[in-house]
Amino acid sequence: MRAEESWISIPEYARCHQISDMTVRRRIKTGQLDAVLRQGKYMIRASAGHVDAGEANVLAPFERPPVLTRTPKMELSAFLPKAEVSHEALNKVMARLEQLGQDVTQTIAKANAEASVAKLLAKDLEIHQLKQKVEDLESLIAILESR
């Protein structure tokens, strides 16, 4: 580190570049901005981003430009061109939506029916296995009773 180099803090750098402190920290973390940690605080070389160290120290907090903390709400329709839509076009869209709704309903009904059939087949198999076990137990009882 050269003696003639001057260093500024994160808030001073942020004020000079009219960005938030968090943006400066993020740039340091991602390596977009070089900084050194001194006594628990990050210091940025004043020459980084063409900042005059004297300029950084002259800016008082009341001269600081406002930082936009939230984005104003804007309606999407403000960016869309105004278009005339005919009733016929709207009716076609509505008919298509109705058809899609019916298709979805039929698909769901079919899936439910297939699931019910699968459940019934599984229960049928379980009943068959239980009947087989009952027959085996009856055979064992008959053998034991014959002794």
N, C-alpha and C. Protein backbone atom coordinates (compact mmCIF):
# COMPACT_ATOMS: atom_id res chain seq x y z
N MET A 1 0.85 -1.17 0.00
CA MET A 1 0.00 0.00 0.00
C MET A 1 0.90 1.23 0.00
N ARG A 2 0.64 2.15 -0.91
CA ARG A 2 1.45 3.37 -1.02
C ARG A 2 0.95 4.42 -0.03
N ALA A 3 1.88 5.27 0.43
CA ALA A 3 1.54 6.28 1.43
C ALA A 3 0.59 7.33 0.87
N GLU A 4 0.68 7.66 -0.43
CA GLU A 4 -0.15 8.71 -0.99
C GLU A 4 -1.58 8.25 -1.29
N GLU A 5 -1.87 6.99 -1.14
CA GLU A 5 -3.23 6.50 -1.37
C GLU A 5 -4.14 6.97 -0.25
N SER A 6 -5.34 7.35 -0.62
CA SER A 6 -6.31 7.72 0.41
C SER A 6 -7.49 6.75 0.35
N TRP A 7 -8.11 6.55 1.48
CA TRP A 7 -9.17 5.56 1.62
C TRP A 7 -10.42 6.23 2.17
N ILE A 8 -11.58 5.74 1.74
CA ILE A 8 -12.84 6.28 2.24
C ILE A 8 -13.71 5.13 2.74
N SER A 9 -14.68 5.47 3.57
CA SER A 9 -15.57 4.47 4.15
C SER A 9 -16.70 4.12 3.17
N ILE A 10 -17.43 3.08 3.52
CA ILE A 10 -18.57 2.67 2.68
C ILE A 10 -19.61 3.78 2.55
N PRO A 11 -20.03 4.43 3.65
CA PRO A 11 -21.02 5.51 3.50
C PRO A 11 -20.52 6.66 2.62
N GLU A 12 -19.24 7.01 2.76
CA GLU A 12 -18.70 8.10 1.93
C GLU A 12 -18.70 7.71 0.46
N TYR A 13 -18.29 6.48 0.16
CA TYR A 13 -18.28 6.00 -1.22
C TYR A 13 -19.71 5.99 -1.79
N ALA A 14 -20.65 5.51 -0.97
CA ALA A 14 -22.05 5.44 -1.42
C ALA A 14 -22.59 6.83 -1.72
N ARG A 15 -22.30 7.81 -0.87
CA ARG A 15 -22.78 9.17 -1.12
C ARG A 15 -22.18 9.75 -2.39
N CYS A 16 -20.88 9.52 -2.60
CA CYS A 16 -20.22 10.06 -3.80
C CYS A 16 -20.79 9.47 -5.08
N HIS A 17 -21.19 8.21 -5.02
CA HIS A 17 -21.69 7.53 -6.22
C HIS A 17 -23.21 7.47 -6.28
N GLN A 18 -23.85 8.09 -5.29
CA GLN A 18 -25.31 8.14 -5.23
C GLN A 18 -25.93 6.75 -5.30
N ILE A 19 -25.38 5.85 -4.49
CA ILE A 19 -25.91 4.49 -4.37
C ILE A 19 -26.06 4.18 -2.89
N SER A 20 -26.74 3.12 -2.57
CA SER A 20 -26.95 2.77 -1.17
C SER A 20 -25.73 2.06 -0.59
N ASP A 21 -25.62 2.11 0.73
CA ASP A 21 -24.54 1.40 1.42
C ASP A 21 -24.60 -0.09 1.10
N MET A 22 -25.82 -0.64 1.03
CA MET A 22 -25.96 -2.08 0.76
C MET A 22 -25.44 -2.44 -0.63
N THR A 23 -25.61 -1.55 -1.59
CA THR A 23 -25.08 -1.80 -2.93
C THR A 23 -23.57 -1.85 -2.89
N VAL A 24 -22.96 -0.94 -2.13
CA VAL A 24 -21.49 -0.94 -2.00
C VAL A 24 -21.04 -2.25 -1.35
N ARG A 25 -21.72 -2.66 -0.28
CA ARG A 25 -21.35 -3.91 0.41
C ARG A 25 -21.49 -5.11 -0.52
N ARG A 26 -22.56 -5.11 -1.31
CA ARG A 26 -22.78 -6.22 -2.25
C ARG A 26 -21.66 -6.26 -3.29
N ARG A 27 -21.25 -5.09 -3.77
CA ARG A 27 -20.17 -5.04 -4.76
C ARG A 27 -18.85 -5.51 -4.16
N ILE A 28 -18.63 -5.20 -2.90
CA ILE A 28 -17.42 -5.68 -2.22
C ILE A 28 -17.47 -7.19 -2.10
N LYS A 29 -18.62 -7.70 -1.68
CA LYS A 29 -18.78 -9.15 -1.49
C LYS A 29 -18.59 -9.93 -2.79
N THR A 30 -19.09 -9.39 -3.91
CA THR A 30 -18.99 -10.09 -5.19
C THR A 30 -17.68 -9.82 -5.91
N GLY A 31 -16.82 -8.97 -5.31
CA GLY A 31 -15.52 -8.70 -5.92
C GLY A 31 -15.54 -7.62 -6.99
N GLN A 32 -16.66 -6.95 -7.16
CA GLN A 32 -16.75 -5.87 -8.14
C GLN A 32 -16.04 -4.61 -7.66
N LEU A 33 -15.79 -4.54 -6.35
CA LEU A 33 -15.17 -3.37 -5.76
C LEU A 33 -14.14 -3.85 -4.75
N ASP A 34 -12.91 -3.35 -4.86
CA ASP A 34 -11.85 -3.72 -3.93
C ASP A 34 -11.97 -2.91 -2.66
N ALA A 35 -11.82 -3.60 -1.54
CA ALA A 35 -11.87 -2.94 -0.25
C ALA A 35 -10.99 -3.71 0.72
N VAL A 36 -10.54 -3.02 1.77
CA VAL A 36 -9.76 -3.67 2.82
C VAL A 36 -10.50 -3.50 4.13
N LEU A 37 -10.34 -4.50 5.00
CA LEU A 37 -10.99 -4.47 6.30
C LEU A 37 -10.00 -3.89 7.31
N ARG A 38 -10.35 -2.75 7.87
CA ARG A 38 -9.49 -2.10 8.87
C ARG A 38 -10.30 -1.86 10.13
N GLN A 39 -9.84 -2.43 11.22
CA GLN A 39 -10.49 -2.27 12.52
C GLN A 39 -11.99 -2.55 12.43
N GLY A 40 -12.34 -3.60 11.71
CA GLY A 40 -13.73 -4.02 11.60
C GLY A 40 -14.57 -3.25 10.60
N LYS A 41 -13.96 -2.32 9.86
CA LYS A 41 -14.72 -1.53 8.88
C LYS A 41 -14.04 -1.64 7.52
N TYR A 42 -14.86 -1.74 6.48
CA TYR A 42 -14.31 -1.78 5.13
C TYR A 42 -13.92 -0.38 4.70
N MET A 43 -12.75 -0.29 4.08
CA MET A 43 -12.29 0.98 3.51
C MET A 43 -12.03 0.74 2.03
N ILE A 44 -12.39 1.72 1.22
CA ILE A 44 -12.28 1.61 -0.23
C ILE A 44 -11.27 2.65 -0.70
N ARG A 45 -10.40 2.24 -1.61
CA ARG A 45 -9.41 3.16 -2.18
C ARG A 45 -10.17 4.28 -2.87
N ALA A 46 -9.81 5.52 -2.56
CA ALA A 46 -10.52 6.68 -3.12
C ALA A 46 -10.43 6.70 -4.63
N SER A 47 -9.38 6.14 -5.19
CA SER A 47 -9.24 6.13 -6.65
C SER A 47 -10.17 5.11 -7.30
N ALA A 48 -10.76 4.20 -6.52
CA ALA A 48 -11.69 3.22 -7.08
C ALA A 48 -12.94 3.95 -7.54
N GLY A 49 -13.23 3.86 -8.78
CA GLY A 49 -14.42 4.53 -9.32
C GLY A 49 -14.24 6.02 -9.46
N HIS A 50 -12.99 6.50 -9.49
CA HIS A 50 -12.67 7.91 -9.73
C HIS A 50 -13.29 8.83 -8.68
N VAL A 51 -13.10 8.52 -7.41
CA VAL A 51 -13.61 9.36 -6.34
C VAL A 51 -12.46 10.18 -5.79
N ASP A 52 -12.65 11.45 -5.67
CA ASP A 52 -11.66 12.32 -5.06
C ASP A 52 -11.87 12.26 -3.56
N ALA A 53 -10.82 11.93 -2.82
CA ALA A 53 -10.95 11.77 -1.37
C ALA A 53 -11.42 13.06 -0.73
N GLY A 54 -10.96 14.18 -1.21
CA GLY A 54 -11.40 15.46 -0.67
C GLY A 54 -12.88 15.67 -0.89
N GLU A 55 -13.37 15.26 -2.06
CA GLU A 55 -14.79 15.37 -2.37
C GLU A 55 -15.62 14.55 -1.41
N ALA A 56 -15.12 13.35 -1.09
CA ALA A 56 -15.86 12.47 -0.19
C ALA A 56 -15.99 13.07 1.19
N ASN A 57 -14.96 13.74 1.66
CA ASN A 57 -14.99 14.32 3.00
C ASN A 57 -15.78 15.62 3.05
N VAL A 58 -15.94 16.30 1.91
CA VAL A 58 -16.66 17.56 1.88
C VAL A 58 -18.16 17.35 1.94
N LEU A 59 -18.64 16.23 1.39
CA LEU A 59 -20.08 15.99 1.36
C LEU A 59 -20.62 15.82 2.78
N ALA A 60 -21.53 16.66 3.14
CA ALA A 60 -22.17 16.55 4.45
C ALA A 60 -23.41 15.69 4.31
N PRO A 61 -23.89 15.10 5.40
CA PRO A 61 -25.08 14.24 5.30
C PRO A 61 -26.28 14.94 4.70
N PHE A 62 -26.46 16.25 4.96
CA PHE A 62 -27.62 16.94 4.41
C PHE A 62 -27.50 17.20 2.92
N GLU A 63 -26.29 17.10 2.35
CA GLU A 63 -26.09 17.29 0.92
C GLU A 63 -26.25 15.99 0.15
N ARG A 64 -26.38 14.94 0.86
CA ARG A 64 -26.46 13.62 0.26
C ARG A 64 -27.71 13.52 -0.60
N PRO A 65 -27.61 12.98 -1.81
CA PRO A 65 -28.80 12.82 -2.64
C PRO A 65 -29.71 11.75 -2.06
N PRO A 66 -30.99 11.90 -2.24
CA PRO A 66 -31.91 10.90 -1.68
C PRO A 66 -31.69 9.54 -2.35
N VAL A 67 -31.81 8.51 -1.55
CA VAL A 67 -31.68 7.14 -2.05
C VAL A 67 -33.08 6.57 -2.18
N LEU A 68 -33.41 6.07 -3.34
CA LEU A 68 -34.72 5.48 -3.57
C LEU A 68 -34.78 4.15 -2.86
N THR A 69 -35.65 4.04 -1.87
CA THR A 69 -35.71 2.81 -1.08
C THR A 69 -36.75 1.83 -1.59
N ARG A 70 -37.76 2.29 -2.28
CA ARG A 70 -38.71 1.36 -2.85
C ARG A 70 -39.14 1.85 -4.22
N THR A 71 -39.52 0.90 -5.02
CA THR A 71 -39.91 1.19 -6.38
C THR A 71 -41.37 1.61 -6.39
N PRO A 72 -41.69 2.72 -7.04
CA PRO A 72 -43.10 3.12 -7.08
C PRO A 72 -43.91 2.11 -7.89
N LYS A 73 -45.14 1.93 -7.47
CA LYS A 73 -46.02 0.99 -8.17
C LYS A 73 -46.43 1.58 -9.51
N MET A 74 -46.34 0.75 -10.53
CA MET A 74 -46.78 1.18 -11.85
C MET A 74 -47.67 0.10 -12.42
N GLU A 75 -48.72 0.51 -13.03
CA GLU A 75 -49.62 -0.45 -13.64
C GLU A 75 -49.02 -0.96 -14.94
N LEU A 76 -49.15 -2.25 -15.18
CA LEU A 76 -48.64 -2.85 -16.40
C LEU A 76 -49.33 -2.25 -17.62
N SER A 77 -50.57 -1.90 -17.46
CA SER A 77 -51.32 -1.35 -18.60
C SER A 77 -50.72 -0.04 -19.11
N ALA A 78 -49.94 0.64 -18.29
CA ALA A 78 -49.31 1.88 -18.73
C ALA A 78 -48.29 1.62 -19.83
N PHE A 79 -47.74 0.42 -19.89
CA PHE A 79 -46.73 0.08 -20.89
C PHE A 79 -47.31 -0.60 -22.12
N LEU A 80 -48.56 -1.01 -22.03
CA LEU A 80 -49.18 -1.71 -23.15
C LEU A 80 -49.89 -0.73 -24.07
N PRO A 81 -49.81 -0.98 -25.35
CA PRO A 81 -50.53 -0.09 -26.27
C PRO A 81 -52.03 -0.30 -26.14
N LYS A 82 -52.76 0.76 -26.34
CA LYS A 82 -54.22 0.66 -26.31
C LYS A 82 -54.68 -0.04 -27.57
N ALA A 83 -55.51 -1.05 -27.40
CA ALA A 83 -55.98 -1.81 -28.56
C ALA A 83 -57.48 -1.99 -28.46
N GLU A 84 -58.08 -1.93 -29.58
CA GLU A 84 -59.51 -2.18 -29.66
C GLU A 84 -59.71 -3.68 -29.87
N VAL A 85 -60.56 -4.29 -29.06
CA VAL A 85 -60.84 -5.71 -29.18
C VAL A 85 -62.32 -5.86 -29.49
N SER A 86 -62.59 -6.60 -30.53
CA SER A 86 -63.99 -6.77 -30.93
C SER A 86 -64.68 -7.78 -30.02
N HIS A 87 -66.00 -7.67 -29.99
CA HIS A 87 -66.79 -8.62 -29.20
C HIS A 87 -66.64 -10.02 -29.76
N GLU A 88 -66.49 -10.12 -31.05
CA GLU A 88 -66.32 -11.43 -31.69
C GLU A 88 -65.03 -12.10 -31.19
N ALA A 89 -63.94 -11.32 -31.11
CA ALA A 89 -62.67 -11.87 -30.64
C ALA A 89 -62.80 -12.30 -29.18
N LEU A 90 -63.47 -11.47 -28.38
CA LEU A 90 -63.66 -11.83 -26.97
C LEU A 90 -64.51 -13.09 -26.83
N ASN A 91 -65.54 -13.22 -27.66
CA ASN A 91 -66.37 -14.42 -27.62
C ASN A 91 -65.58 -15.66 -27.99
N LYS A 92 -64.69 -15.54 -28.97
CA LYS A 92 -63.85 -16.68 -29.36
C LYS A 92 -62.92 -17.09 -28.21
N VAL A 93 -62.34 -16.09 -27.55
CA VAL A 93 -61.46 -16.38 -26.42
C VAL A 93 -62.25 -17.05 -25.30
N MET A 94 -63.44 -16.55 -25.01
CA MET A 94 -64.25 -17.13 -23.95
C MET A 94 -64.66 -18.55 -24.29
N ALA A 95 -65.00 -18.81 -25.55
CA ALA A 95 -65.37 -20.16 -25.97
C ALA A 95 -64.19 -21.10 -25.81
N ARG A 96 -63.01 -20.64 -26.18
CA ARG A 96 -61.81 -21.48 -26.05
C ARG A 96 -61.52 -21.77 -24.58
N LEU A 97 -61.67 -20.76 -23.72
CA LEU A 97 -61.47 -20.96 -22.29
C LEU A 97 -62.46 -21.97 -21.72
N GLU A 98 -63.70 -21.88 -22.17
CA GLU A 98 -64.72 -22.85 -21.73
C GLU A 98 -64.33 -24.26 -22.14
N GLN A 99 -63.87 -24.41 -23.39
CA GLN A 99 -63.46 -25.73 -23.89
C GLN A 99 -62.29 -26.27 -23.07
N LEU A 100 -61.32 -25.40 -22.79
CA LEU A 100 -60.18 -25.83 -21.98
C LEU A 100 -60.61 -26.24 -20.58
N GLY A 101 -61.56 -25.51 -20.02
CA GLY A 101 -62.10 -25.86 -18.69
C GLY A 101 -62.76 -27.23 -18.71
N GLN A 102 -63.52 -27.50 -19.77
CA GLN A 102 -64.17 -28.81 -19.90
C GLN A 102 -63.14 -29.92 -20.08
N ASP A 103 -62.11 -29.64 -20.87
CA ASP A 103 -61.04 -30.63 -21.06
C ASP A 103 -60.35 -30.97 -19.75
N VAL A 104 -60.08 -29.94 -18.95
CA VAL A 104 -59.44 -30.16 -17.65
C VAL A 104 -60.36 -30.98 -16.75
N THR A 105 -61.63 -30.65 -16.74
CA THR A 105 -62.59 -31.38 -15.91
C THR A 105 -62.65 -32.85 -16.32
N GLN A 106 -62.67 -33.12 -17.62
CA GLN A 106 -62.69 -34.50 -18.10
C GLN A 106 -61.41 -35.24 -17.73
N THR A 107 -60.29 -34.58 -17.84
CA THR A 107 -59.01 -35.20 -17.49
C THR A 107 -58.98 -35.55 -16.01
N ILE A 108 -59.47 -34.65 -15.18
CA ILE A 108 -59.51 -34.91 -13.74
C ILE A 108 -60.45 -36.08 -13.43
N ALA A 109 -61.61 -36.11 -14.08
CA ALA A 109 -62.56 -37.20 -13.86
C ALA A 109 -61.95 -38.54 -14.28
N LYS A 110 -61.26 -38.55 -15.40
CA LYS A 110 -60.62 -39.78 -15.88
C LYS A 110 -59.54 -40.24 -14.90
N ALA A 111 -58.74 -39.29 -14.42
CA ALA A 111 -57.67 -39.63 -13.47
C ALA A 111 -58.27 -40.18 -12.17
N ASN A 112 -59.37 -39.57 -11.71
CA ASN A 112 -60.03 -40.06 -10.50
C ASN A 112 -60.58 -41.47 -10.71
N ALA A 113 -61.17 -41.73 -11.88
CA ALA A 113 -61.70 -43.06 -12.18
C ALA A 113 -60.58 -44.08 -12.22
N GLU A 114 -59.47 -43.75 -12.86
CA GLU A 114 -58.32 -44.66 -12.92
C GLU A 114 -57.77 -44.93 -11.53
N ALA A 115 -57.73 -43.90 -10.68
CA ALA A 115 -57.25 -44.08 -9.31
C ALA A 115 -58.19 -44.99 -8.53
N SER A 116 -59.50 -44.84 -8.76
CA SER A 116 -60.48 -45.69 -8.07
C SER A 116 -60.33 -47.14 -8.51
N VAL A 117 -60.13 -47.35 -9.81
CA VAL A 117 -59.96 -48.71 -10.32
C VAL A 117 -58.69 -49.33 -9.73
N ALA A 118 -57.63 -48.55 -9.65
CA ALA A 118 -56.38 -49.05 -9.09
C ALA A 118 -56.57 -49.43 -7.62
N LYS A 119 -57.32 -48.62 -6.87
CA LYS A 119 -57.58 -48.93 -5.47
C LYS A 119 -58.40 -50.21 -5.34
N LEU A 120 -59.39 -50.35 -6.22
CA LEU A 120 -60.23 -51.57 -6.17
C LEU A 120 -59.41 -52.81 -6.49
N LEU A 121 -58.53 -52.71 -7.48
CA LEU A 121 -57.68 -53.85 -7.82
C LEU A 121 -56.74 -54.21 -6.67
N ALA A 122 -56.22 -53.22 -5.99
CA ALA A 122 -55.35 -53.47 -4.85
C ALA A 122 -56.12 -54.15 -3.72
N LYS A 123 -57.35 -53.71 -3.47
CA LYS A 123 -58.18 -54.33 -2.43
C LYS A 123 -58.55 -55.75 -2.82
N ASP A 124 -58.84 -55.96 -4.09
CA ASP A 124 -59.17 -57.30 -4.57
C ASP A 124 -58.00 -58.26 -4.36
N LEU A 125 -56.81 -57.82 -4.64
CA LEU A 125 -55.61 -58.63 -4.42
C LEU A 125 -55.42 -58.93 -2.94
N GLU A 126 -55.66 -57.93 -2.10
CA GLU A 126 -55.53 -58.13 -0.65
C GLU A 126 -56.55 -59.15 -0.15
N ILE A 127 -57.77 -59.08 -0.65
CA ILE A 127 -58.81 -60.06 -0.27
C ILE A 127 -58.40 -61.45 -0.70
N HIS A 128 -57.88 -61.58 -1.90
CA HIS A 128 -57.44 -62.89 -2.40
C HIS A 128 -56.34 -63.47 -1.51
N GLN A 129 -55.38 -62.63 -1.12
CA GLN A 129 -54.28 -63.09 -0.26
C GLN A 129 -54.80 -63.50 1.11
N LEU A 130 -55.77 -62.75 1.66
CA LEU A 130 -56.33 -63.09 2.96
C LEU A 130 -57.12 -64.41 2.89
N LYS A 131 -57.85 -64.64 1.79
CA LYS A 131 -58.57 -65.90 1.62
C LYS A 131 -57.60 -67.07 1.58
N GLN A 132 -56.47 -66.87 0.91
CA GLN A 132 -55.45 -67.91 0.83
C GLN A 132 -54.91 -68.23 2.23
N LYS A 133 -54.68 -67.22 3.03
CA LYS A 133 -54.19 -67.42 4.40
C LYS A 133 -55.22 -68.17 5.25
N VAL A 134 -56.50 -67.83 5.07
CA VAL A 134 -57.56 -68.52 5.81
C VAL A 134 -57.58 -70.00 5.44
N GLU A 135 -57.45 -70.29 4.15
CA GLU A 135 -57.42 -71.69 3.71
C GLU A 135 -56.23 -72.43 4.31
N ASP A 136 -55.06 -71.76 4.35
CA ASP A 136 -53.87 -72.38 4.93
C ASP A 136 -54.08 -72.66 6.42
N LEU A 137 -54.68 -71.70 7.12
CA LEU A 137 -54.93 -71.90 8.55
C LEU A 137 -55.94 -73.02 8.79
N GLU A 138 -56.96 -73.09 7.96
CA GLU A 138 -57.95 -74.17 8.09
C GLU A 138 -57.30 -75.53 7.86
N SER A 139 -56.37 -75.60 6.91
CA SER A 139 -55.66 -76.86 6.66
C SER A 139 -54.82 -77.24 7.86
N LEU A 140 -54.12 -76.27 8.47
CA LEU A 140 -53.31 -76.54 9.65
C LEU A 140 -54.18 -77.01 10.83
N ILE A 141 -55.33 -76.39 10.99
CA ILE A 141 -56.25 -76.80 12.08
C ILE A 141 -56.71 -78.23 11.86
N ALA A 142 -57.05 -78.56 10.62
CA ALA A 142 -57.51 -79.92 10.32
C ALA A 142 -56.41 -80.94 10.60
N ILE A 143 -55.17 -80.61 10.30
CA ILE A 143 -54.04 -81.53 10.55
C ILE A 143 -53.84 -81.70 12.04
N LEU A 144 -53.89 -80.60 12.78
CA LEU A 144 -53.68 -80.66 14.23
C LEU A 144 -54.83 -81.43 14.93
N GLU A 145 -56.03 -81.26 14.47
CA GLU A 145 -57.18 -81.94 15.08
C GLU A 145 -57.14 -83.44 14.78
N SER A 146 -56.58 -83.82 13.64
CA SER A 146 -56.53 -85.25 13.29
C SER A 146 -55.50 -86.00 14.11
N ARG A 147 -54.62 -85.39 14.78
CA ARG A 147 -53.61 -86.08 15.60
C ARG A 147 -54.14 -86.50 16.88
